[in-house]
C-alpha cells in the first residue's frame, strides 16, 4: 500500500491552525513561555511559516485574542434561538456566557493571559475596549431589534452594549476567582438586574 499524500491546507486553514495552536500553547504554558518556536511545534509547522502569516509574536498574540473573542461570541450566538423575544435571548445569552469556563476554558485562559500581558512599545496595554467593537455592534443590533419589537426601553444601544459586556466580563472574572460559584444563580441574578433596567415589563 502506498502512503496517501497529505492534503495541502489553504491559507485560511493554515492561519486557523496556527491560531488554535497559539491558544493551546498560551493556555498550557502561560504567555511568557509561549514562544513562536513552541507555537510552531504545536501547530506542526515551521517557525518561519508562523512569522510569514502573522509577523511578530506580538502581532500573533493580538490576532489570537481578536479571533478568540469572535469564536466565543459565535459559539454563544449559535446556541441561541434568535427568533425569540429579545429579553429571552439576553437571558439565555447570559446563561451560556456563565458556562464558558466549562465549555471554552482553554480559550478564556489564553484570552486572559494575552489581554493581561500584551503591551505596546510604550508599555501600555495593546488590547483595549476598542477591540470589542465587533461584539458591541452585534449586541447593538440585538438591542435595536428589542426596541423595534417593543420589549426594550428607548435607551442608547451602544451604552446598553457596553454595560452588558462589562457585566458579563465581570461575571466571568468572578467565576474564575471563585470556582464554587453557582453559575446559574449568578446568571439569573445578572439577567434580572440588566433586564430590570432595560426591558419593558418582565424579562
N, C-alpha and C. Protein backbone atom coordinates (compact mmCIF):
# COMPACT_ATOMS: atom_id res chain seq x y z
N UNK A 1 0.84 -1.20 0.00
CA UNK A 1 0.00 0.00 0.00
C UNK A 1 0.87 1.24 0.00
N UNK A 2 0.50 2.23 -0.77
CA UNK A 2 1.25 3.48 -0.83
C UNK A 2 0.63 4.48 0.14
N UNK A 3 1.47 5.31 0.71
CA UNK A 3 1.00 6.32 1.67
C UNK A 3 0.24 7.41 0.95
N UNK A 4 -0.94 7.72 1.46
CA UNK A 4 -1.76 8.77 0.85
C UNK A 4 -1.09 10.13 1.05
N UNK A 5 -0.97 10.94 0.02
CA UNK A 5 -0.31 12.25 0.17
C UNK A 5 -1.10 13.16 1.10
N UNK A 6 -0.39 14.00 1.83
CA UNK A 6 -1.05 14.94 2.73
C UNK A 6 -1.85 15.96 1.95
N UNK A 7 -3.02 16.31 2.50
CA UNK A 7 -3.84 17.32 1.86
C UNK A 7 -3.24 18.69 2.16
N UNK A 8 -3.06 19.48 1.14
CA UNK A 8 -2.48 20.81 1.31
C UNK A 8 -3.54 21.76 1.87
N UNK A 9 -3.20 22.43 2.96
CA UNK A 9 -4.14 23.34 3.60
C UNK A 9 -4.14 24.68 2.89
N UNK A 10 -5.32 25.31 2.85
CA UNK A 10 -5.41 26.65 2.30
C UNK A 10 -4.78 27.63 3.27
N UNK A 11 -4.59 28.85 2.84
CA UNK A 11 -4.01 29.87 3.71
C UNK A 11 -4.88 30.11 4.93
N UNK A 12 -6.21 30.18 4.74
CA UNK A 12 -7.11 30.39 5.86
C UNK A 12 -7.05 29.22 6.84
N UNK A 13 -7.00 28.00 6.32
CA UNK A 13 -6.91 26.83 7.19
C UNK A 13 -5.61 26.82 7.98
N UNK A 14 -4.52 27.20 7.32
CA UNK A 14 -3.23 27.21 8.00
C UNK A 14 -3.21 28.29 9.09
N UNK A 15 -3.78 29.45 8.78
CA UNK A 15 -3.84 30.51 9.79
C UNK A 15 -4.67 30.05 10.99
N UNK A 16 -5.79 29.41 10.73
CA UNK A 16 -6.62 28.90 11.82
C UNK A 16 -5.86 27.87 12.65
N UNK A 17 -5.12 27.01 11.99
CA UNK A 17 -4.32 26.01 12.68
C UNK A 17 -3.30 26.66 13.63
N UNK A 18 -2.67 27.72 13.17
CA UNK A 18 -1.68 28.41 13.99
C UNK A 18 -2.35 29.16 15.14
N UNK A 19 -3.48 29.79 14.88
CA UNK A 19 -4.21 30.49 15.94
C UNK A 19 -4.65 29.51 17.03
N UNK A 20 -5.15 28.36 16.63
CA UNK A 20 -5.57 27.35 17.61
C UNK A 20 -4.38 26.84 18.41
N UNK A 21 -3.24 26.68 17.75
CA UNK A 21 -2.03 26.25 18.45
C UNK A 21 -1.57 27.32 19.44
N UNK A 22 -1.76 28.58 19.08
CA UNK A 22 -1.39 29.68 19.99
C UNK A 22 -2.26 29.65 21.23
N UNK A 23 -3.56 29.47 21.07
CA UNK A 23 -4.46 29.38 22.21
C UNK A 23 -4.04 28.23 23.12
N UNK A 24 -3.80 27.08 22.54
CA UNK A 24 -3.42 25.91 23.35
C UNK A 24 -2.09 26.12 24.07
N UNK A 25 -1.14 26.72 23.40
CA UNK A 25 0.18 26.94 23.99
C UNK A 25 0.12 27.95 25.12
N UNK A 26 -0.56 29.06 24.89
CA UNK A 26 -0.68 30.09 25.93
C UNK A 26 -1.44 29.54 27.13
N UNK A 27 -2.53 28.82 26.88
CA UNK A 27 -3.34 28.28 27.98
C UNK A 27 -2.54 27.26 28.80
N UNK A 28 -1.67 26.52 28.15
CA UNK A 28 -0.91 25.47 28.83
C UNK A 28 0.34 26.01 29.53
N UNK A 29 1.08 26.85 28.83
CA UNK A 29 2.39 27.29 29.32
C UNK A 29 2.40 28.70 29.90
N UNK A 30 1.38 29.49 29.60
CA UNK A 30 1.38 30.89 30.02
C UNK A 30 1.93 31.77 28.92
N UNK A 31 1.64 33.05 29.01
CA UNK A 31 2.00 34.00 27.96
C UNK A 31 3.51 34.06 27.75
N UNK A 32 4.27 34.20 28.81
CA UNK A 32 5.71 34.41 28.69
C UNK A 32 6.42 33.22 28.05
N UNK A 33 5.93 32.01 28.30
CA UNK A 33 6.58 30.81 27.78
C UNK A 33 6.09 30.40 26.39
N UNK A 34 5.09 31.10 25.88
CA UNK A 34 4.52 30.75 24.57
C UNK A 34 5.32 31.42 23.46
N UNK A 35 6.47 30.87 23.16
CA UNK A 35 7.34 31.41 22.11
C UNK A 35 6.83 31.00 20.74
N UNK A 36 7.31 31.70 19.70
CA UNK A 36 6.93 31.32 18.34
C UNK A 36 7.37 29.90 18.04
N UNK A 37 8.54 29.50 18.56
CA UNK A 37 9.04 28.15 18.31
C UNK A 37 8.11 27.11 18.91
N UNK A 38 7.63 27.34 20.13
CA UNK A 38 6.73 26.37 20.77
C UNK A 38 5.37 26.35 20.08
N UNK A 39 4.90 27.50 19.68
CA UNK A 39 3.62 27.56 18.96
C UNK A 39 3.75 26.83 17.63
N UNK A 40 4.84 27.05 16.91
CA UNK A 40 5.06 26.38 15.63
C UNK A 40 5.12 24.87 15.81
N UNK A 41 5.80 24.43 16.88
CA UNK A 41 5.90 23.00 17.14
C UNK A 41 4.53 22.38 17.38
N UNK A 42 3.71 23.06 18.17
CA UNK A 42 2.36 22.54 18.45
C UNK A 42 1.51 22.53 17.18
N UNK A 43 1.70 23.52 16.32
CA UNK A 43 0.92 23.59 15.08
C UNK A 43 1.45 22.63 14.02
N UNK A 44 2.67 22.12 14.20
CA UNK A 44 3.26 21.22 13.22
C UNK A 44 3.76 21.94 11.99
N UNK A 45 4.21 23.19 12.18
CA UNK A 45 4.73 23.97 11.06
C UNK A 45 6.07 24.57 11.48
N UNK A 46 6.73 25.24 10.55
CA UNK A 46 7.99 25.88 10.88
C UNK A 46 7.75 27.24 11.54
N UNK A 47 8.71 27.67 12.33
CA UNK A 47 8.63 28.99 12.95
C UNK A 47 8.57 30.07 11.88
N UNK A 48 9.28 29.86 10.77
CA UNK A 48 9.26 30.83 9.68
C UNK A 48 7.88 30.99 9.08
N UNK A 49 7.12 29.89 9.02
CA UNK A 49 5.77 29.98 8.45
C UNK A 49 4.86 30.80 9.37
N UNK A 50 5.03 30.62 10.67
CA UNK A 50 4.24 31.42 11.62
C UNK A 50 4.53 32.90 11.41
N UNK A 51 5.81 33.24 11.30
CA UNK A 51 6.19 34.64 11.08
C UNK A 51 5.69 35.14 9.73
N UNK A 52 5.67 34.26 8.73
CA UNK A 52 5.20 34.65 7.40
C UNK A 52 3.73 35.07 7.45
N UNK A 53 2.92 34.33 8.20
CA UNK A 53 1.49 34.63 8.25
C UNK A 53 1.15 35.75 9.23
N UNK A 54 1.91 35.88 10.32
CA UNK A 54 1.49 36.79 11.39
C UNK A 54 2.51 37.86 11.76
N UNK A 55 3.71 37.78 11.23
CA UNK A 55 4.71 38.79 11.57
C UNK A 55 5.34 38.50 12.92
N UNK A 56 5.27 39.46 13.83
CA UNK A 56 5.90 39.31 15.14
C UNK A 56 5.05 38.48 16.09
N UNK A 57 5.67 38.07 17.19
CA UNK A 57 4.93 37.34 18.22
C UNK A 57 3.80 38.19 18.76
N UNK A 58 4.05 39.48 18.96
CA UNK A 58 3.02 40.37 19.49
C UNK A 58 1.84 40.48 18.53
N UNK A 59 2.11 40.56 17.23
CA UNK A 59 1.02 40.61 16.25
C UNK A 59 0.21 39.32 16.27
N UNK A 60 0.90 38.19 16.41
CA UNK A 60 0.20 36.90 16.51
C UNK A 60 -0.69 36.86 17.74
N UNK A 61 -0.18 37.34 18.86
CA UNK A 61 -0.98 37.33 20.09
C UNK A 61 -2.20 38.23 19.96
N UNK A 62 -2.03 39.40 19.36
CA UNK A 62 -3.16 40.31 19.19
C UNK A 62 -4.23 39.69 18.30
N UNK A 63 -3.81 39.06 17.21
CA UNK A 63 -4.79 38.44 16.31
C UNK A 63 -5.45 37.23 16.96
N UNK A 64 -4.68 36.50 17.78
CA UNK A 64 -5.26 35.37 18.50
C UNK A 64 -6.35 35.83 19.44
N UNK A 65 -6.11 36.93 20.16
CA UNK A 65 -7.12 37.45 21.08
C UNK A 65 -8.38 37.86 20.33
N UNK A 66 -8.22 38.57 19.22
CA UNK A 66 -9.37 39.00 18.43
C UNK A 66 -10.16 37.81 17.91
N UNK A 67 -9.44 36.81 17.39
CA UNK A 67 -10.10 35.62 16.85
C UNK A 67 -10.80 34.83 17.95
N UNK A 68 -10.21 34.80 19.15
CA UNK A 68 -10.80 34.05 20.25
C UNK A 68 -12.08 34.70 20.74
N UNK A 69 -12.08 36.03 20.84
CA UNK A 69 -13.32 36.74 21.20
C UNK A 69 -14.41 36.42 20.18
N UNK A 70 -14.06 36.43 18.90
CA UNK A 70 -15.04 36.13 17.85
C UNK A 70 -15.56 34.70 17.97
N UNK A 71 -14.66 33.75 18.24
CA UNK A 71 -15.05 32.35 18.37
C UNK A 71 -16.02 32.15 19.52
N UNK A 72 -15.73 32.77 20.65
CA UNK A 72 -16.59 32.65 21.82
C UNK A 72 -17.95 33.30 21.55
N UNK A 73 -17.93 34.48 20.94
CA UNK A 73 -19.19 35.17 20.62
C UNK A 73 -20.05 34.33 19.68
N UNK A 74 -19.43 33.76 18.66
CA UNK A 74 -20.17 32.95 17.70
C UNK A 74 -20.70 31.67 18.32
N UNK A 75 -19.96 31.10 19.28
CA UNK A 75 -20.42 29.89 19.96
C UNK A 75 -21.68 30.18 20.77
N UNK A 76 -21.70 31.33 21.45
CA UNK A 76 -22.90 31.70 22.20
C UNK A 76 -24.06 31.96 21.24
N UNK A 77 -23.79 32.71 20.16
CA UNK A 77 -24.83 33.01 19.19
C UNK A 77 -25.44 31.76 18.58
N UNK A 78 -24.61 30.76 18.31
CA UNK A 78 -25.10 29.52 17.68
C UNK A 78 -26.01 28.73 18.62
N UNK A 79 -25.87 28.96 19.92
CA UNK A 79 -26.66 28.22 20.89
C UNK A 79 -28.00 28.89 21.21
N UNK A 80 -28.22 30.08 20.65
CA UNK A 80 -29.41 30.85 20.99
C UNK A 80 -30.51 30.71 19.94
N UNK A 81 -31.75 30.83 20.40
CA UNK A 81 -32.89 30.96 19.49
C UNK A 81 -33.09 32.45 19.25
N UNK A 82 -32.50 32.96 18.17
CA UNK A 82 -32.53 34.40 17.93
C UNK A 82 -33.88 34.89 17.45
N UNK A 83 -34.83 33.98 17.23
CA UNK A 83 -36.19 34.39 16.85
C UNK A 83 -37.05 34.66 18.08
N UNK A 84 -36.56 34.33 19.26
CA UNK A 84 -37.32 34.55 20.50
C UNK A 84 -37.36 36.04 20.82
N UNK A 85 -38.28 36.48 21.68
CA UNK A 85 -38.27 37.88 22.12
C UNK A 85 -36.91 38.22 22.70
N UNK A 86 -36.47 39.45 22.47
CA UNK A 86 -35.10 39.84 22.82
C UNK A 86 -34.79 39.66 24.31
N UNK A 87 -35.68 39.98 25.25
CA UNK A 87 -35.33 39.72 26.66
C UNK A 87 -35.01 38.26 26.93
N UNK A 88 -35.71 37.35 26.26
CA UNK A 88 -35.41 35.93 26.42
C UNK A 88 -34.04 35.59 25.83
N UNK A 89 -33.71 36.21 24.70
CA UNK A 89 -32.40 35.99 24.08
C UNK A 89 -31.30 36.47 25.02
N UNK A 90 -31.49 37.65 25.62
CA UNK A 90 -30.49 38.20 26.53
C UNK A 90 -30.28 37.28 27.74
N UNK A 91 -31.38 36.82 28.33
CA UNK A 91 -31.26 35.93 29.50
C UNK A 91 -30.53 34.64 29.12
N UNK A 92 -30.89 34.06 27.98
CA UNK A 92 -30.24 32.82 27.54
C UNK A 92 -28.76 33.05 27.26
N UNK A 93 -28.44 34.20 26.65
CA UNK A 93 -27.04 34.51 26.33
C UNK A 93 -26.21 34.63 27.61
N UNK A 94 -26.77 35.25 28.64
CA UNK A 94 -26.04 35.38 29.91
C UNK A 94 -25.79 34.00 30.51
N UNK A 95 -26.76 33.12 30.43
CA UNK A 95 -26.58 31.76 30.96
C UNK A 95 -25.50 31.01 30.18
N UNK A 96 -25.49 31.13 28.87
CA UNK A 96 -24.45 30.47 28.08
C UNK A 96 -23.08 31.07 28.39
N UNK A 97 -23.03 32.39 28.56
CA UNK A 97 -21.76 33.04 28.89
C UNK A 97 -21.24 32.56 30.25
N UNK A 98 -22.14 32.36 31.19
CA UNK A 98 -21.74 31.93 32.53
C UNK A 98 -21.07 30.57 32.51
N UNK A 99 -21.38 29.76 31.51
CA UNK A 99 -20.83 28.41 31.43
C UNK A 99 -19.63 28.31 30.51
N UNK A 100 -19.12 29.44 30.06
CA UNK A 100 -17.95 29.41 29.17
C UNK A 100 -16.73 28.81 29.86
N UNK A 101 -16.64 28.94 31.18
CA UNK A 101 -15.50 28.34 31.88
C UNK A 101 -15.55 26.82 31.82
N UNK A 102 -16.71 26.27 31.52
CA UNK A 102 -16.83 24.83 31.36
C UNK A 102 -16.71 24.42 29.89
N UNK A 103 -17.26 25.23 28.99
CA UNK A 103 -17.28 24.86 27.57
C UNK A 103 -16.09 25.38 26.78
N UNK A 104 -15.49 26.50 27.23
CA UNK A 104 -14.38 27.12 26.49
C UNK A 104 -13.28 27.57 27.45
N UNK A 105 -12.93 26.72 28.41
CA UNK A 105 -11.96 27.10 29.44
C UNK A 105 -10.61 27.46 28.83
N UNK A 106 -10.13 26.65 27.88
CA UNK A 106 -8.82 26.91 27.28
C UNK A 106 -8.80 28.28 26.59
N UNK A 107 -9.87 28.57 25.86
CA UNK A 107 -9.94 29.85 25.15
C UNK A 107 -9.95 31.02 26.13
N UNK A 108 -10.72 30.92 27.21
CA UNK A 108 -10.79 32.01 28.18
C UNK A 108 -9.46 32.18 28.91
N UNK A 109 -8.80 31.08 29.22
CA UNK A 109 -7.50 31.16 29.89
C UNK A 109 -6.48 31.87 29.01
N UNK A 110 -6.44 31.47 27.74
CA UNK A 110 -5.49 32.11 26.82
C UNK A 110 -5.82 33.58 26.63
N UNK A 111 -7.10 33.89 26.50
CA UNK A 111 -7.51 35.28 26.30
C UNK A 111 -7.12 36.15 27.48
N UNK A 112 -7.32 35.65 28.69
CA UNK A 112 -6.95 36.41 29.88
C UNK A 112 -5.44 36.63 29.94
N UNK A 113 -4.68 35.61 29.58
CA UNK A 113 -3.22 35.73 29.58
C UNK A 113 -2.76 36.79 28.57
N UNK A 114 -3.34 36.76 27.38
CA UNK A 114 -2.91 37.69 26.33
C UNK A 114 -3.31 39.12 26.66
N UNK A 115 -4.57 39.32 27.03
CA UNK A 115 -5.03 40.68 27.31
C UNK A 115 -4.30 41.28 28.51
N UNK A 116 -3.91 40.45 29.46
CA UNK A 116 -3.24 40.95 30.64
C UNK A 116 -1.76 41.24 30.45
N UNK A 117 -1.16 40.64 29.42
CA UNK A 117 0.29 40.74 29.25
C UNK A 117 0.77 41.45 27.99
N UNK A 118 -0.05 41.47 26.95
CA UNK A 118 0.39 42.06 25.68
C UNK A 118 0.49 43.57 25.82
N UNK A 119 1.65 44.12 25.49
CA UNK A 119 1.91 45.54 25.65
C UNK A 119 2.35 46.19 24.34
N UNK A 120 2.02 47.46 24.20
CA UNK A 120 2.53 48.29 23.11
C UNK A 120 3.96 48.70 23.44
N UNK A 121 4.69 49.25 22.47
CA UNK A 121 6.08 49.68 22.74
C UNK A 121 6.19 50.67 23.90
N UNK A 122 5.16 51.48 24.15
CA UNK A 122 5.24 52.46 25.24
C UNK A 122 4.86 51.86 26.59
N UNK A 123 4.57 50.55 26.61
CA UNK A 123 4.27 49.87 27.87
C UNK A 123 2.80 49.78 28.22
N UNK A 124 1.94 50.46 27.46
CA UNK A 124 0.50 50.39 27.73
C UNK A 124 -0.07 49.10 27.15
N UNK A 125 -1.22 48.71 27.68
CA UNK A 125 -1.86 47.50 27.17
C UNK A 125 -2.23 47.69 25.70
N UNK A 126 -1.91 46.70 24.90
CA UNK A 126 -2.17 46.81 23.47
C UNK A 126 -3.65 46.59 23.16
N UNK A 127 -4.31 45.74 23.93
CA UNK A 127 -5.72 45.45 23.70
C UNK A 127 -6.56 46.27 24.67
N UNK A 128 -7.65 46.84 24.17
CA UNK A 128 -8.49 47.71 24.98
C UNK A 128 -9.95 47.49 24.63
N UNK A 129 -10.81 48.34 25.17
CA UNK A 129 -12.24 48.24 24.86
C UNK A 129 -12.51 48.43 23.38
N UNK A 130 -11.60 49.10 22.67
CA UNK A 130 -11.79 49.29 21.23
C UNK A 130 -11.79 47.96 20.49
N UNK A 131 -11.17 46.95 21.07
CA UNK A 131 -11.12 45.64 20.43
C UNK A 131 -12.43 44.87 20.59
N UNK A 132 -13.37 45.42 21.33
CA UNK A 132 -14.70 44.83 21.47
C UNK A 132 -15.66 45.33 20.38
N UNK A 133 -15.19 46.14 19.47
CA UNK A 133 -16.08 46.83 18.55
C UNK A 133 -17.03 45.87 17.83
N UNK A 134 -16.48 44.77 17.33
CA UNK A 134 -17.32 43.80 16.61
C UNK A 134 -18.41 43.26 17.53
N UNK A 135 -18.05 42.98 18.76
CA UNK A 135 -19.01 42.47 19.74
C UNK A 135 -20.07 43.51 20.05
N UNK A 136 -19.64 44.75 20.27
CA UNK A 136 -20.60 45.81 20.57
C UNK A 136 -21.61 45.99 19.44
N UNK A 137 -21.13 45.95 18.19
CA UNK A 137 -22.06 46.14 17.06
C UNK A 137 -23.11 45.04 17.01
N UNK A 138 -22.71 43.80 17.26
CA UNK A 138 -23.66 42.70 17.25
C UNK A 138 -24.70 42.87 18.36
N UNK A 139 -24.24 43.29 19.53
CA UNK A 139 -25.18 43.49 20.64
C UNK A 139 -26.10 44.68 20.38
N UNK A 140 -25.56 45.74 19.82
CA UNK A 140 -26.40 46.89 19.48
C UNK A 140 -27.53 46.48 18.54
N UNK A 141 -27.21 45.65 17.56
CA UNK A 141 -28.24 45.21 16.61
C UNK A 141 -29.35 44.46 17.33
N UNK A 142 -28.97 43.63 18.30
CA UNK A 142 -29.98 42.89 19.08
C UNK A 142 -30.82 43.84 19.91
N UNK A 143 -30.18 44.82 20.55
CA UNK A 143 -30.93 45.76 21.38
C UNK A 143 -31.87 46.62 20.53
N UNK A 144 -31.43 47.00 19.35
CA UNK A 144 -32.30 47.78 18.47
C UNK A 144 -33.52 46.95 18.05
N UNK A 145 -33.30 45.66 17.82
CA UNK A 145 -34.44 44.80 17.48
C UNK A 145 -35.42 44.74 18.64
N UNK A 146 -34.88 44.68 19.87
CA UNK A 146 -35.76 44.67 21.03
C UNK A 146 -36.55 45.95 21.16
N UNK A 147 -35.93 47.08 20.82
CA UNK A 147 -36.65 48.35 20.84
C UNK A 147 -37.73 48.38 19.76
N UNK A 148 -37.40 47.82 18.59
CA UNK A 148 -38.38 47.80 17.49
C UNK A 148 -39.57 46.91 17.82
N UNK A 149 -39.32 45.81 18.54
CA UNK A 149 -40.42 44.90 18.87
C UNK A 149 -41.17 45.37 20.12
N UNK A 150 -40.67 46.42 20.77
CA UNK A 150 -41.35 46.98 21.93
C UNK A 150 -41.04 46.29 23.24
N UNK A 151 -39.97 45.48 23.29
CA UNK A 151 -39.64 44.77 24.52
C UNK A 151 -38.54 45.46 25.34
N UNK A 152 -37.80 46.39 24.71
CA UNK A 152 -36.73 47.11 25.40
C UNK A 152 -37.00 48.60 25.40
N UNK A 153 -36.53 49.26 26.44
CA UNK A 153 -36.71 50.70 26.56
C UNK A 153 -35.88 51.44 25.52
N UNK A 154 -36.26 52.69 25.28
CA UNK A 154 -35.59 53.51 24.27
C UNK A 154 -34.33 54.16 24.87
N UNK A 155 -33.32 53.31 25.12
CA UNK A 155 -32.04 53.77 25.65
C UNK A 155 -30.98 53.68 24.56
N UNK A 156 -29.85 54.31 24.78
CA UNK A 156 -28.76 54.30 23.79
C UNK A 156 -28.23 52.87 23.64
N UNK A 157 -28.38 52.26 22.45
CA UNK A 157 -27.95 50.86 22.27
C UNK A 157 -26.46 50.66 22.53
N UNK A 158 -25.62 51.65 22.21
CA UNK A 158 -24.19 51.49 22.47
C UNK A 158 -23.90 51.42 23.97
N UNK A 159 -24.54 52.29 24.74
CA UNK A 159 -24.33 52.25 26.18
C UNK A 159 -24.87 50.96 26.78
N UNK A 160 -25.96 50.48 26.23
CA UNK A 160 -26.51 49.19 26.68
C UNK A 160 -25.51 48.07 26.39
N UNK A 161 -24.92 48.10 25.21
CA UNK A 161 -23.96 47.06 24.82
C UNK A 161 -22.73 47.08 25.71
N UNK A 162 -22.20 48.27 25.97
CA UNK A 162 -21.00 48.40 26.81
C UNK A 162 -21.30 47.93 28.23
N UNK A 163 -22.45 48.33 28.76
CA UNK A 163 -22.83 47.93 30.12
C UNK A 163 -23.04 46.42 30.20
N UNK A 164 -23.72 45.87 29.20
CA UNK A 164 -23.96 44.42 29.16
C UNK A 164 -22.65 43.66 29.13
N UNK A 165 -21.75 44.04 28.21
CA UNK A 165 -20.50 43.30 28.07
C UNK A 165 -19.63 43.43 29.32
N UNK A 166 -19.62 44.61 29.91
CA UNK A 166 -18.85 44.79 31.13
C UNK A 166 -19.36 43.90 32.26
N UNK A 167 -20.67 43.77 32.36
CA UNK A 167 -21.25 42.92 33.39
C UNK A 167 -20.94 41.45 33.15
N UNK A 168 -20.99 41.03 31.89
CA UNK A 168 -20.66 39.63 31.56
C UNK A 168 -19.19 39.35 31.84
N UNK A 169 -18.31 40.27 31.48
CA UNK A 169 -16.88 40.09 31.75
C UNK A 169 -16.61 39.99 33.25
N UNK A 170 -17.30 40.82 34.03
CA UNK A 170 -17.13 40.77 35.48
C UNK A 170 -17.61 39.43 36.03
N UNK A 171 -18.69 38.91 35.48
CA UNK A 171 -19.20 37.60 35.90
C UNK A 171 -18.16 36.51 35.63
N UNK A 172 -17.54 36.56 34.45
CA UNK A 172 -16.54 35.56 34.10
C UNK A 172 -15.32 35.66 35.00
N UNK A 173 -14.90 36.89 35.29
CA UNK A 173 -13.77 37.08 36.17
C UNK A 173 -14.04 36.58 37.58
N UNK A 174 -15.25 36.84 38.07
CA UNK A 174 -15.61 36.39 39.41
C UNK A 174 -15.68 34.87 39.46
N UNK A 175 -16.26 34.26 38.43
CA UNK A 175 -16.37 32.80 38.39
C UNK A 175 -15.00 32.14 38.34
N UNK A 176 -14.05 32.79 37.65
CA UNK A 176 -12.69 32.25 37.59
C UNK A 176 -12.03 32.29 38.96
N UNK A 177 -12.24 33.39 39.68
CA UNK A 177 -11.63 33.55 41.00
C UNK A 177 -12.34 32.74 42.08
N UNK A 178 -13.61 32.40 41.84
CA UNK A 178 -14.41 31.66 42.82
C UNK A 178 -15.06 30.46 42.13
N UNK A 179 -14.32 29.37 41.97
CA UNK A 179 -14.80 28.21 41.20
C UNK A 179 -16.06 27.56 41.76
N UNK A 180 -16.37 27.82 43.04
CA UNK A 180 -17.56 27.21 43.64
C UNK A 180 -18.82 28.05 43.41
N UNK A 181 -18.71 29.09 42.60
CA UNK A 181 -19.86 29.96 42.33
C UNK A 181 -21.00 29.18 41.66
N UNK A 182 -22.21 29.41 42.12
CA UNK A 182 -23.40 28.84 41.47
C UNK A 182 -23.66 29.66 40.21
N UNK A 183 -23.22 29.13 39.05
CA UNK A 183 -23.27 29.89 37.81
C UNK A 183 -24.69 30.20 37.37
N UNK A 184 -25.60 29.27 37.55
CA UNK A 184 -26.99 29.51 37.14
C UNK A 184 -27.61 30.61 37.98
N UNK A 185 -27.32 30.59 39.28
CA UNK A 185 -27.87 31.64 40.16
C UNK A 185 -27.28 33.00 39.79
N UNK A 186 -25.97 33.04 39.55
CA UNK A 186 -25.33 34.30 39.15
C UNK A 186 -25.95 34.80 37.85
N UNK A 187 -26.10 33.91 36.87
CA UNK A 187 -26.65 34.32 35.57
C UNK A 187 -28.07 34.84 35.71
N UNK A 188 -28.89 34.17 36.50
CA UNK A 188 -30.27 34.62 36.70
C UNK A 188 -30.30 35.99 37.38
N UNK A 189 -29.45 36.16 38.39
CA UNK A 189 -29.41 37.44 39.10
C UNK A 189 -28.95 38.56 38.17
N UNK A 190 -27.90 38.29 37.39
CA UNK A 190 -27.41 39.31 36.46
C UNK A 190 -28.47 39.65 35.42
N UNK A 191 -29.15 38.63 34.90
CA UNK A 191 -30.21 38.88 33.91
C UNK A 191 -31.33 39.72 34.52
N UNK A 192 -31.69 39.42 35.77
CA UNK A 192 -32.73 40.21 36.46
C UNK A 192 -32.31 41.67 36.59
N UNK A 193 -31.05 41.88 36.95
CA UNK A 193 -30.55 43.24 37.13
C UNK A 193 -30.56 44.02 35.81
N UNK A 194 -30.01 43.39 34.76
CA UNK A 194 -29.92 44.08 33.48
C UNK A 194 -31.29 44.31 32.87
N UNK A 195 -32.10 43.27 32.84
CA UNK A 195 -33.41 43.40 32.22
C UNK A 195 -34.32 44.31 33.03
N UNK A 196 -34.09 44.35 34.34
CA UNK A 196 -34.87 45.27 35.16
C UNK A 196 -34.65 46.72 34.75
N UNK A 197 -33.49 47.00 34.18
CA UNK A 197 -33.20 48.36 33.77
C UNK A 197 -33.52 48.67 32.34
N UNK A 198 -33.55 47.64 31.46
CA UNK A 198 -33.73 47.94 30.03
C UNK A 198 -34.99 47.36 29.42
N UNK A 199 -35.59 46.37 30.09
CA UNK A 199 -36.77 45.72 29.49
C UNK A 199 -38.05 46.44 29.89
N UNK A 200 -39.04 46.36 29.00
CA UNK A 200 -40.38 46.89 29.28
C UNK A 200 -41.22 45.73 29.79
N UNK A 201 -41.65 45.77 31.02
CA UNK A 201 -42.36 44.64 31.61
C UNK A 201 -41.37 43.62 32.09
N UNK A 202 -41.81 42.37 32.25
CA UNK A 202 -40.98 41.30 32.80
C UNK A 202 -39.99 40.82 31.78
N UNK A 203 -38.67 40.57 32.19
CA UNK A 203 -37.67 39.99 31.32
C UNK A 203 -37.54 38.53 31.54
